[in-house]
Amino acid sequence: MNIRTIGLLAIAAIVLLIAARFYIGGHRVPPGQPPLGDLNSTSLDTLRSAFNRNSDRVRVILLLSPT
């Protein structure tokens, strides 16, 4: 094996370890922050009402997609 192959395998292993830690370790939020939620068709009304309830504050919705 040459050095480039070893480097690529090391990077792939690190990425896999980070992904496994993320999915197995769970999701934690800082104290005082509401828990993370999933956005789906059943939770959309809850999001809409919480968004509209805080109309006197700055509001940001950040949607991230892995693709």
N, C-alpha and C. Protein backbone atom coordinates (compact mmCIF):
# COMPACT_ATOMS: atom_id res chain seq x y z
N MET A 1 0.84 -1.18 0.00
CA MET A 1 0.00 0.00 0.00
C MET A 1 0.89 1.24 0.00
N ASN A 2 0.47 2.21 -0.76
CA ASN A 2 1.24 3.44 -0.75
C ASN A 2 0.65 4.42 0.26
N ILE A 3 1.30 5.52 0.44
CA ILE A 3 0.92 6.50 1.47
C ILE A 3 -0.43 7.13 1.18
N ARG A 4 -0.75 7.29 -0.11
CA ARG A 4 -2.04 7.90 -0.47
C ARG A 4 -3.20 6.98 -0.09
N THR A 5 -3.06 5.70 -0.34
CA THR A 5 -4.10 4.74 0.02
C THR A 5 -4.30 4.69 1.53
N ILE A 6 -3.21 4.69 2.26
CA ILE A 6 -3.30 4.66 3.72
C ILE A 6 -3.99 5.93 4.23
N GLY A 7 -3.65 7.07 3.65
CA GLY A 7 -4.28 8.33 4.05
C GLY A 7 -5.77 8.33 3.78
N LEU A 8 -6.17 7.85 2.60
CA LEU A 8 -7.60 7.79 2.27
C LEU A 8 -8.35 6.83 3.19
N LEU A 9 -7.74 5.70 3.51
CA LEU A 9 -8.37 4.76 4.43
C LEU A 9 -8.50 5.36 5.83
N ALA A 10 -7.51 6.11 6.26
CA ALA A 10 -7.56 6.75 7.57
C ALA A 10 -8.68 7.79 7.61
N ILE A 11 -8.80 8.59 6.57
CA ILE A 11 -9.87 9.59 6.51
C ILE A 11 -11.23 8.93 6.51
N ALA A 12 -11.39 7.86 5.73
CA ALA A 12 -12.66 7.14 5.69
C ALA A 12 -13.00 6.56 7.06
N ALA A 13 -12.01 6.03 7.76
CA ALA A 13 -12.25 5.47 9.09
C ALA A 13 -12.67 6.55 10.07
N ILE A 14 -12.05 7.70 10.00
CA ILE A 14 -12.40 8.81 10.89
C ILE A 14 -13.82 9.28 10.63
N VAL A 15 -14.19 9.41 9.36
CA VAL A 15 -15.55 9.83 9.02
C VAL A 15 -16.57 8.81 9.52
N LEU A 16 -16.28 7.53 9.35
CA LEU A 16 -17.20 6.50 9.84
C LEU A 16 -17.33 6.52 11.36
N LEU A 17 -16.24 6.75 12.06
CA LEU A 17 -16.30 6.83 13.52
C LEU A 17 -17.12 8.03 13.99
N ILE A 18 -16.96 9.16 13.33
CA ILE A 18 -17.74 10.34 13.69
C ILE A 18 -19.22 10.10 13.42
N ALA A 19 -19.54 9.50 12.28
CA ALA A 19 -20.94 9.21 11.95
C ALA A 19 -21.54 8.23 12.96
N ALA A 20 -20.80 7.21 13.33
CA ALA A 20 -21.30 6.24 14.31
C ALA A 20 -21.52 6.91 15.65
N ARG A 21 -20.62 7.77 16.06
CA ARG A 21 -20.79 8.49 17.34
C ARG A 21 -22.03 9.37 17.31
N PHE A 22 -22.28 10.00 16.18
CA PHE A 22 -23.44 10.88 16.05
C PHE A 22 -24.74 10.09 16.16
N TYR A 23 -24.83 8.95 15.48
CA TYR A 23 -26.07 8.19 15.48
C TYR A 23 -26.25 7.34 16.73
N ILE A 24 -25.20 6.80 17.27
CA ILE A 24 -25.31 5.94 18.46
C ILE A 24 -25.34 6.77 19.74
N GLY A 25 -24.57 7.83 19.79
CA GLY A 25 -24.45 8.63 20.99
C GLY A 25 -25.66 9.47 21.33
N GLY A 26 -26.55 9.66 20.40
CA GLY A 26 -27.72 10.47 20.66
C GLY A 26 -27.46 11.94 20.44
N HIS A 27 -28.48 12.72 20.68
CA HIS A 27 -28.40 14.16 20.46
C HIS A 27 -28.65 14.87 21.77
N ARG A 28 -27.73 15.71 22.15
CA ARG A 28 -27.89 16.48 23.38
C ARG A 28 -27.90 17.96 23.03
N VAL A 29 -28.65 18.71 23.80
CA VAL A 29 -28.72 20.16 23.61
C VAL A 29 -28.23 20.84 24.89
N PRO A 30 -27.83 22.09 24.80
CA PRO A 30 -27.39 22.81 26.00
C PRO A 30 -28.54 22.98 26.99
N PRO A 31 -28.22 23.16 28.28
CA PRO A 31 -29.27 23.37 29.28
C PRO A 31 -30.09 24.61 28.94
N GLY A 32 -31.39 24.50 29.10
CA GLY A 32 -32.29 25.61 28.83
C GLY A 32 -32.83 25.64 27.41
N GLN A 33 -32.25 24.86 26.52
CA GLN A 33 -32.72 24.81 25.13
C GLN A 33 -33.71 23.67 24.99
N PRO A 34 -34.81 23.89 24.26
CA PRO A 34 -35.76 22.79 24.06
C PRO A 34 -35.10 21.65 23.27
N PRO A 35 -35.58 20.44 23.44
CA PRO A 35 -34.97 19.31 22.74
C PRO A 35 -35.12 19.44 21.22
N LEU A 36 -34.22 18.77 20.51
CA LEU A 36 -34.30 18.76 19.05
C LEU A 36 -35.55 18.01 18.61
N GLY A 37 -36.10 18.40 17.49
CA GLY A 37 -37.29 17.74 16.99
C GLY A 37 -37.15 17.41 15.52
N ASP A 38 -37.99 16.53 15.07
CA ASP A 38 -38.03 16.17 13.66
C ASP A 38 -39.12 16.97 12.98
N LEU A 39 -38.84 17.44 11.80
CA LEU A 39 -39.84 18.18 11.03
C LEU A 39 -40.50 17.22 10.06
N ASN A 40 -41.78 16.96 10.29
CA ASN A 40 -42.55 16.10 9.40
C ASN A 40 -43.96 16.66 9.30
N SER A 41 -44.81 15.98 8.58
CA SER A 41 -46.16 16.51 8.33
C SER A 41 -46.99 16.63 9.62
N THR A 42 -46.72 15.80 10.61
CA THR A 42 -47.50 15.89 11.85
C THR A 42 -47.00 16.98 12.79
N SER A 43 -45.72 17.33 12.69
CA SER A 43 -45.18 18.36 13.58
C SER A 43 -45.17 19.75 12.95
N LEU A 44 -45.62 19.88 11.73
CA LEU A 44 -45.58 21.17 11.04
C LEU A 44 -46.51 22.20 11.69
N ASP A 45 -47.67 21.79 12.14
CA ASP A 45 -48.59 22.72 12.80
C ASP A 45 -48.01 23.24 14.12
N THR A 46 -47.32 22.38 14.86
CA THR A 46 -46.69 22.80 16.10
C THR A 46 -45.60 23.84 15.81
N LEU A 47 -44.81 23.59 14.78
CA LEU A 47 -43.77 24.55 14.39
C LEU A 47 -44.39 25.88 13.98
N ARG A 48 -45.44 25.82 13.19
CA ARG A 48 -46.09 27.04 12.72
C ARG A 48 -46.64 27.86 13.88
N SER A 49 -47.28 27.22 14.84
CA SER A 49 -47.84 27.97 15.96
C SER A 49 -46.73 28.55 16.85
N ALA A 50 -45.65 27.81 17.07
CA ALA A 50 -44.53 28.34 17.87
C ALA A 50 -43.85 29.49 17.14
N PHE A 51 -43.74 29.39 15.83
CA PHE A 51 -43.13 30.45 15.03
C PHE A 51 -43.97 31.72 15.10
N ASN A 52 -45.28 31.59 14.95
CA ASN A 52 -46.17 32.75 14.97
C ASN A 52 -46.33 33.33 16.37
N ARG A 53 -46.20 32.51 17.39
CA ARG A 53 -46.34 32.97 18.78
C ARG A 53 -45.23 33.95 19.15
N ASN A 54 -44.07 33.82 18.55
CA ASN A 54 -42.92 34.67 18.87
C ASN A 54 -42.68 35.72 17.78
N SER A 55 -43.73 36.38 17.35
CA SER A 55 -43.60 37.34 16.25
C SER A 55 -42.86 38.62 16.66
N ASP A 56 -42.68 38.86 17.96
CA ASP A 56 -41.97 40.06 18.40
C ASP A 56 -40.46 39.83 18.50
N ARG A 57 -39.98 38.65 18.15
CA ARG A 57 -38.55 38.32 18.22
C ARG A 57 -38.02 38.00 16.82
N VAL A 58 -36.71 37.97 16.72
CA VAL A 58 -36.08 37.52 15.48
C VAL A 58 -36.21 36.01 15.41
N ARG A 59 -36.68 35.50 14.28
CA ARG A 59 -36.89 34.07 14.13
C ARG A 59 -36.12 33.58 12.91
N VAL A 60 -35.50 32.43 13.04
CA VAL A 60 -34.73 31.85 11.95
C VAL A 60 -35.08 30.36 11.88
N ILE A 61 -35.37 29.88 10.69
CA ILE A 61 -35.55 28.46 10.46
C ILE A 61 -34.43 28.02 9.52
N LEU A 62 -33.63 27.09 9.98
CA LEU A 62 -32.49 26.60 9.20
C LEU A 62 -32.77 25.14 8.82
N LEU A 63 -32.89 24.90 7.54
CA LEU A 63 -33.13 23.54 7.04
C LEU A 63 -31.84 23.02 6.43
N LEU A 64 -31.39 21.87 6.91
CA LEU A 64 -30.18 21.27 6.39
C LEU A 64 -30.53 19.92 5.75
N SER A 65 -29.89 19.63 4.65
CA SER A 65 -30.13 18.38 3.97
C SER A 65 -28.80 17.70 3.69
N PRO A 66 -28.73 16.40 3.91
CA PRO A 66 -27.46 15.69 3.67
C PRO A 66 -27.13 15.49 2.20
N THR A 67 -28.04 15.86 1.33
CA THR A 67 -27.77 15.66 -0.10
C THR A 67 -27.62 16.97 -0.82
